[in-house]
Amino acid sequence: MKTIILILAATVLFFSCSKESQREQEAVPAYIGVYHSASLDTSYVTQKEGARVSIKWAIKPIVSPRIVFDSVYVNDDLTFTVNQFVNHGGQIKKAIGTGLFVNNTIKYHFIMNTDEHVIYEGVKYQ
């Protein structure tokens, strides 16, 4: 009987430790948040799964997102790339580009359909 209780206690302890280390690994990266540019454009960076984030670019904080880049892949050095189709003004356009997170700022340059440029630099809102 004591052996069964010890086995059950060890099992519970093992699983609770596993869940705790899982929570530590799921910490929200520091670059997740809201960024404002000098011209009052806003970028909302939200976490998806793994190294993928979504960047919602809005002209002003109250306006709904102008363009949603939802397949942005962040590398270990905090640079990121985008290569996807986006809805811009009711038209589907190919968006490619790069950017980076550095010192509480976000900078990116995305090109849509080879002729429209989205260039953004913003500071993280604290």
N, C-alpha and C. Protein backbone atom coordinates (compact mmCIF):
# COMPACT_ATOMS: atom_id res chain seq x y z
N MET A 1 0.82 -1.19 0.00
CA MET A 1 0.00 0.00 0.00
C MET A 1 0.87 1.26 0.00
N LYS A 2 1.93 1.25 0.85
CA LYS A 2 2.82 2.40 0.89
C LYS A 2 3.51 2.59 -0.45
N THR A 3 3.84 1.51 -1.11
CA THR A 3 4.51 1.58 -2.41
C THR A 3 3.60 2.24 -3.44
N ILE A 4 2.34 1.91 -3.44
CA ILE A 4 1.39 2.50 -4.39
C ILE A 4 1.25 3.99 -4.13
N ILE A 5 1.16 4.38 -2.88
CA ILE A 5 1.03 5.80 -2.53
C ILE A 5 2.29 6.56 -2.96
N LEU A 6 3.46 5.98 -2.74
CA LEU A 6 4.71 6.63 -3.15
C LEU A 6 4.79 6.77 -4.67
N ILE A 7 4.35 5.74 -5.38
CA ILE A 7 4.36 5.81 -6.85
C ILE A 7 3.41 6.90 -7.34
N LEU A 8 2.22 6.96 -6.76
CA LEU A 8 1.25 8.00 -7.14
C LEU A 8 1.79 9.40 -6.82
N ALA A 9 2.40 9.56 -5.67
CA ALA A 9 2.95 10.86 -5.28
C ALA A 9 4.08 11.27 -6.22
N ALA A 10 4.94 10.33 -6.58
CA ALA A 10 6.03 10.62 -7.51
C ALA A 10 5.49 10.99 -8.88
N THR A 11 4.44 10.31 -9.31
CA THR A 11 3.83 10.61 -10.61
C THR A 11 3.22 12.01 -10.62
N VAL A 12 2.49 12.36 -9.58
CA VAL A 12 1.89 13.70 -9.48
C VAL A 12 2.99 14.76 -9.47
N LEU A 13 4.05 14.54 -8.70
CA LEU A 13 5.15 15.49 -8.63
C LEU A 13 5.83 15.63 -9.99
N PHE A 14 6.02 14.55 -10.69
CA PHE A 14 6.66 14.59 -12.01
C PHE A 14 5.83 15.41 -12.99
N PHE A 15 4.51 15.15 -13.04
CA PHE A 15 3.66 15.87 -13.98
C PHE A 15 3.51 17.35 -13.62
N SER A 16 3.48 17.67 -12.34
CA SER A 16 3.37 19.09 -11.97
C SER A 16 4.66 19.83 -12.32
N CYS A 17 5.81 19.19 -12.19
CA CYS A 17 7.08 19.81 -12.59
C CYS A 17 7.14 19.98 -14.10
N SER A 18 6.63 19.01 -14.85
CA SER A 18 6.62 19.11 -16.31
C SER A 18 5.76 20.27 -16.76
N LYS A 19 4.60 20.46 -16.15
CA LYS A 19 3.72 21.57 -16.51
C LYS A 19 4.37 22.90 -16.18
N GLU A 20 5.07 22.99 -15.05
CA GLU A 20 5.73 24.23 -14.66
C GLU A 20 6.83 24.59 -15.66
N SER A 21 7.63 23.62 -16.10
CA SER A 21 8.68 23.94 -17.07
C SER A 21 8.07 24.30 -18.42
N GLN A 22 6.91 23.75 -18.75
CA GLN A 22 6.22 24.12 -19.98
C GLN A 22 5.77 25.57 -19.90
N ARG A 23 5.27 26.01 -18.75
CA ARG A 23 4.84 27.40 -18.57
C ARG A 23 6.02 28.35 -18.72
N GLU A 24 7.17 27.96 -18.20
CA GLU A 24 8.35 28.82 -18.32
C GLU A 24 8.75 28.98 -19.78
N GLN A 25 8.62 27.94 -20.58
CA GLN A 25 8.99 28.00 -21.98
C GLN A 25 8.00 28.82 -22.79
N GLU A 26 6.76 28.97 -22.30
CA GLU A 26 5.73 29.69 -23.02
C GLU A 26 5.69 31.17 -22.66
N ALA A 27 6.75 31.70 -22.10
CA ALA A 27 6.78 33.12 -21.74
C ALA A 27 6.61 33.98 -22.98
N VAL A 28 5.92 35.08 -22.82
CA VAL A 28 5.67 35.99 -23.93
C VAL A 28 6.95 36.76 -24.25
N PRO A 29 7.39 36.74 -25.51
CA PRO A 29 8.60 37.49 -25.88
C PRO A 29 8.44 38.98 -25.63
N ALA A 30 9.52 39.66 -25.32
CA ALA A 30 9.49 41.08 -24.98
C ALA A 30 9.02 41.95 -26.14
N TYR A 31 9.17 41.49 -27.37
CA TYR A 31 8.79 42.32 -28.51
C TYR A 31 7.29 42.31 -28.79
N ILE A 32 6.52 41.47 -28.14
CA ILE A 32 5.06 41.45 -28.32
C ILE A 32 4.49 42.71 -27.69
N GLY A 33 3.64 43.43 -28.45
CA GLY A 33 3.03 44.63 -27.90
C GLY A 33 2.59 45.61 -28.97
N VAL A 34 2.38 46.84 -28.57
CA VAL A 34 1.89 47.90 -29.44
C VAL A 34 3.01 48.90 -29.68
N TYR A 35 3.19 49.29 -30.94
CA TYR A 35 4.23 50.23 -31.34
C TYR A 35 3.60 51.43 -32.03
N HIS A 36 4.12 52.63 -31.74
CA HIS A 36 3.63 53.86 -32.36
C HIS A 36 4.76 54.53 -33.13
N SER A 37 4.46 55.03 -34.32
CA SER A 37 5.45 55.76 -35.11
C SER A 37 5.29 57.25 -34.85
N ALA A 38 6.23 58.03 -35.34
CA ALA A 38 6.18 59.49 -35.21
C ALA A 38 4.98 60.07 -35.94
N SER A 39 4.50 59.39 -36.98
CA SER A 39 3.34 59.88 -37.74
C SER A 39 2.02 59.29 -37.23
N LEU A 40 2.05 58.69 -36.04
CA LEU A 40 0.88 58.14 -35.36
C LEU A 40 0.34 56.85 -35.96
N ASP A 41 1.05 56.22 -36.89
CA ASP A 41 0.68 54.88 -37.33
C ASP A 41 0.93 53.94 -36.15
N THR A 42 0.20 52.85 -36.11
CA THR A 42 0.34 51.89 -35.02
C THR A 42 0.53 50.50 -35.59
N SER A 43 1.43 49.74 -34.97
CA SER A 43 1.60 48.33 -35.30
C SER A 43 1.31 47.52 -34.04
N TYR A 44 0.40 46.55 -34.19
CA TYR A 44 0.06 45.65 -33.11
C TYR A 44 0.74 44.32 -33.38
N VAL A 45 1.65 43.91 -32.52
CA VAL A 45 2.38 42.65 -32.69
C VAL A 45 1.82 41.65 -31.69
N THR A 46 1.22 40.57 -32.21
CA THR A 46 0.66 39.53 -31.35
C THR A 46 1.34 38.20 -31.66
N GLN A 47 1.38 37.36 -30.66
CA GLN A 47 2.06 36.08 -30.80
C GLN A 47 1.13 35.04 -31.38
N LYS A 48 1.65 34.29 -32.34
CA LYS A 48 0.96 33.11 -32.87
C LYS A 48 1.68 31.90 -32.27
N GLU A 49 1.83 30.83 -33.00
CA GLU A 49 2.55 29.68 -32.46
C GLU A 49 4.02 29.73 -32.86
N GLY A 50 4.86 29.24 -31.97
CA GLY A 50 6.30 29.17 -32.25
C GLY A 50 6.90 30.53 -32.53
N ALA A 51 7.63 30.63 -33.62
CA ALA A 51 8.33 31.87 -33.98
C ALA A 51 7.46 32.75 -34.88
N ARG A 52 6.19 32.44 -35.00
CA ARG A 52 5.31 33.21 -35.89
C ARG A 52 4.53 34.25 -35.11
N VAL A 53 4.49 35.47 -35.64
CA VAL A 53 3.71 36.55 -35.04
C VAL A 53 2.81 37.16 -36.11
N SER A 54 1.89 37.98 -35.65
CA SER A 54 1.03 38.74 -36.54
C SER A 54 1.33 40.22 -36.31
N ILE A 55 1.47 40.98 -37.40
CA ILE A 55 1.64 42.43 -37.30
C ILE A 55 0.44 43.07 -37.98
N LYS A 56 -0.33 43.81 -37.19
CA LYS A 56 -1.47 44.54 -37.73
C LYS A 56 -1.06 46.00 -37.81
N TRP A 57 -1.05 46.54 -39.01
CA TRP A 57 -0.62 47.91 -39.24
C TRP A 57 -1.85 48.78 -39.44
N ALA A 58 -2.03 49.79 -38.59
CA ALA A 58 -3.17 50.69 -38.67
C ALA A 58 -2.67 52.12 -38.83
N ILE A 59 -3.42 52.93 -39.55
CA ILE A 59 -3.01 54.31 -39.78
C ILE A 59 -3.07 55.10 -38.49
N LYS A 60 -4.08 54.89 -37.68
CA LYS A 60 -4.19 55.53 -36.36
C LYS A 60 -4.64 54.46 -35.38
N PRO A 61 -4.36 54.65 -34.09
CA PRO A 61 -4.70 53.61 -33.11
C PRO A 61 -6.16 53.19 -33.10
N ILE A 62 -7.09 54.09 -33.42
CA ILE A 62 -8.51 53.76 -33.33
C ILE A 62 -9.00 53.04 -34.60
N VAL A 63 -8.37 53.30 -35.72
CA VAL A 63 -8.80 52.74 -36.99
C VAL A 63 -8.48 51.24 -37.04
N SER A 64 -9.37 50.47 -37.65
CA SER A 64 -9.11 49.05 -37.78
C SER A 64 -7.86 48.83 -38.63
N PRO A 65 -7.21 47.68 -38.50
CA PRO A 65 -5.95 47.46 -39.22
C PRO A 65 -6.07 47.71 -40.71
N ARG A 66 -5.10 48.42 -41.24
CA ARG A 66 -5.06 48.68 -42.68
C ARG A 66 -4.59 47.43 -43.42
N ILE A 67 -3.56 46.81 -42.87
CA ILE A 67 -3.05 45.56 -43.44
C ILE A 67 -2.68 44.63 -42.28
N VAL A 68 -3.02 43.36 -42.42
CA VAL A 68 -2.65 42.36 -41.41
C VAL A 68 -1.64 41.41 -42.04
N PHE A 69 -0.44 41.40 -41.49
CA PHE A 69 0.61 40.46 -41.89
C PHE A 69 0.58 39.35 -40.84
N ASP A 70 -0.04 38.21 -41.15
CA ASP A 70 -0.21 37.20 -40.11
C ASP A 70 0.73 36.01 -40.21
N SER A 71 1.68 36.06 -41.11
CA SER A 71 2.67 34.99 -41.21
C SER A 71 4.07 35.58 -41.18
N VAL A 72 4.38 36.24 -40.08
CA VAL A 72 5.68 36.88 -39.89
C VAL A 72 6.52 35.95 -39.02
N TYR A 73 7.68 35.57 -39.52
CA TYR A 73 8.54 34.63 -38.80
C TYR A 73 9.73 35.36 -38.19
N VAL A 74 9.83 35.29 -36.84
CA VAL A 74 10.88 35.98 -36.10
C VAL A 74 12.03 35.00 -35.86
N ASN A 75 13.24 35.43 -36.24
CA ASN A 75 14.45 34.62 -36.05
C ASN A 75 15.02 34.87 -34.66
N ASP A 76 15.99 34.03 -34.26
CA ASP A 76 16.62 34.16 -32.95
C ASP A 76 17.30 35.51 -32.75
N ASP A 77 17.78 36.13 -33.83
CA ASP A 77 18.45 37.43 -33.72
C ASP A 77 17.47 38.60 -33.79
N LEU A 78 16.15 38.29 -33.69
CA LEU A 78 15.05 39.26 -33.69
C LEU A 78 14.85 39.97 -35.03
N THR A 79 15.42 39.43 -36.10
CA THR A 79 15.03 39.88 -37.43
C THR A 79 13.81 39.06 -37.83
N PHE A 80 13.04 39.55 -38.79
CA PHE A 80 11.88 38.78 -39.21
C PHE A 80 11.64 38.96 -40.70
N THR A 81 10.90 38.02 -41.24
CA THR A 81 10.58 38.04 -42.67
C THR A 81 9.09 37.83 -42.87
N VAL A 82 8.59 38.32 -43.99
CA VAL A 82 7.21 38.08 -44.37
C VAL A 82 7.20 37.71 -45.85
N ASN A 83 6.37 36.74 -46.19
CA ASN A 83 6.20 36.29 -47.57
C ASN A 83 4.81 35.68 -47.64
N GLN A 84 3.82 36.52 -47.95
CA GLN A 84 2.44 36.05 -47.92
C GLN A 84 1.56 36.94 -48.79
N PHE A 85 0.32 36.55 -48.96
CA PHE A 85 -0.68 37.38 -49.61
C PHE A 85 -1.46 38.12 -48.54
N VAL A 86 -1.77 39.41 -48.78
CA VAL A 86 -2.52 40.22 -47.83
C VAL A 86 -3.65 40.93 -48.55
N ASN A 87 -4.66 41.33 -47.79
CA ASN A 87 -5.76 42.10 -48.32
C ASN A 87 -5.44 43.58 -48.08
N HIS A 88 -5.32 44.34 -49.16
CA HIS A 88 -5.02 45.77 -49.05
C HIS A 88 -6.00 46.53 -49.92
N GLY A 89 -6.89 47.27 -49.28
CA GLY A 89 -7.87 48.04 -50.04
C GLY A 89 -8.81 47.17 -50.85
N GLY A 90 -9.13 46.00 -50.34
CA GLY A 90 -10.03 45.10 -51.05
C GLY A 90 -9.37 44.27 -52.14
N GLN A 91 -8.07 44.44 -52.33
CA GLN A 91 -7.33 43.66 -53.33
C GLN A 91 -6.34 42.74 -52.63
N ILE A 92 -6.18 41.56 -53.16
CA ILE A 92 -5.20 40.61 -52.63
C ILE A 92 -3.86 40.90 -53.29
N LYS A 93 -2.84 41.13 -52.45
CA LYS A 93 -1.52 41.47 -52.97
C LYS A 93 -0.46 40.60 -52.30
N LYS A 94 0.60 40.33 -53.05
CA LYS A 94 1.73 39.58 -52.53
C LYS A 94 2.60 40.53 -51.72
N ALA A 95 2.91 40.17 -50.48
CA ALA A 95 3.77 40.99 -49.62
C ALA A 95 5.02 40.22 -49.25
N ILE A 96 6.17 40.82 -49.47
CA ILE A 96 7.44 40.24 -49.05
C ILE A 96 8.25 41.33 -48.36
N GLY A 97 9.12 40.95 -47.46
CA GLY A 97 9.96 41.94 -46.82
C GLY A 97 10.63 41.44 -45.57
N THR A 98 11.33 42.35 -44.92
CA THR A 98 12.09 42.03 -43.72
C THR A 98 11.92 43.14 -42.70
N GLY A 99 12.33 42.84 -41.49
CA GLY A 99 12.30 43.83 -40.42
C GLY A 99 13.08 43.32 -39.22
N LEU A 100 13.04 44.12 -38.14
CA LEU A 100 13.74 43.71 -36.94
C LEU A 100 13.17 44.42 -35.72
N PHE A 101 13.36 43.77 -34.59
CA PHE A 101 13.05 44.34 -33.29
C PHE A 101 14.38 44.68 -32.63
N VAL A 102 14.54 45.92 -32.15
CA VAL A 102 15.77 46.31 -31.47
C VAL A 102 15.48 47.46 -30.51
N ASN A 103 15.94 47.34 -29.28
CA ASN A 103 15.81 48.40 -28.26
C ASN A 103 14.39 48.96 -28.16
N ASN A 104 13.42 48.11 -27.98
CA ASN A 104 12.00 48.52 -27.87
C ASN A 104 11.46 49.23 -29.10
N THR A 105 12.04 48.94 -30.26
CA THR A 105 11.52 49.50 -31.51
C THR A 105 11.27 48.37 -32.50
N ILE A 106 10.45 48.67 -33.48
CA ILE A 106 10.21 47.76 -34.58
C ILE A 106 10.48 48.54 -35.86
N LYS A 107 11.14 47.90 -36.79
CA LYS A 107 11.41 48.50 -38.10
C LYS A 107 11.11 47.45 -39.15
N TYR A 108 10.36 47.83 -40.19
CA TYR A 108 10.15 46.88 -41.28
C TYR A 108 9.93 47.59 -42.60
N HIS A 109 10.21 46.84 -43.65
CA HIS A 109 10.02 47.31 -45.03
C HIS A 109 9.44 46.14 -45.81
N PHE A 110 8.16 46.26 -46.12
CA PHE A 110 7.47 45.23 -46.88
C PHE A 110 7.11 45.81 -48.25
N ILE A 111 7.22 45.01 -49.28
CA ILE A 111 6.88 45.42 -50.64
C ILE A 111 5.68 44.58 -51.09
N MET A 112 4.68 45.27 -51.62
CA MET A 112 3.49 44.58 -52.09
C MET A 112 3.38 44.73 -53.60
N ASN A 113 3.23 43.59 -54.27
CA ASN A 113 3.12 43.54 -55.74
C ASN A 113 4.26 44.28 -56.43
N THR A 114 5.41 44.26 -55.88
CA THR A 114 6.66 44.82 -56.42
C THR A 114 6.67 46.34 -56.57
N ASP A 115 5.57 47.04 -56.22
CA ASP A 115 5.59 48.49 -56.44
C ASP A 115 5.09 49.33 -55.26
N GLU A 116 4.44 48.75 -54.28
CA GLU A 116 3.97 49.49 -53.12
C GLU A 116 4.82 49.14 -51.91
N HIS A 117 5.30 50.15 -51.21
CA HIS A 117 6.19 49.93 -50.07
C HIS A 117 5.49 50.30 -48.77
N VAL A 118 5.60 49.44 -47.79
CA VAL A 118 5.16 49.72 -46.43
C VAL A 118 6.44 49.82 -45.60
N ILE A 119 6.81 51.03 -45.24
CA ILE A 119 8.02 51.26 -44.44
C ILE A 119 7.57 51.81 -43.11
N TYR A 120 7.98 51.15 -42.04
CA TYR A 120 7.48 51.50 -40.71
C TYR A 120 8.61 51.45 -39.69
N GLU A 121 8.59 52.42 -38.78
CA GLU A 121 9.48 52.41 -37.63
C GLU A 121 8.69 52.95 -36.46
N GLY A 122 8.60 52.17 -35.40
CA GLY A 122 7.81 52.58 -34.25
C GLY A 122 8.48 52.20 -32.94
N VAL A 123 8.06 52.89 -31.88
CA VAL A 123 8.57 52.65 -30.54
C VAL A 123 7.50 51.93 -29.74
N LYS A 124 7.92 50.96 -28.95
CA LYS A 124 6.97 50.18 -28.18
C LYS A 124 6.30 51.05 -27.13
N TYR A 125 4.97 50.93 -27.05
CA TYR A 125 4.18 51.65 -26.06
C TYR A 125 4.30 50.92 -24.74
N GLN A 126 4.70 51.62 -23.70
CA GLN A 126 4.93 50.98 -22.38
C GLN A 126 3.66 50.89 -21.57
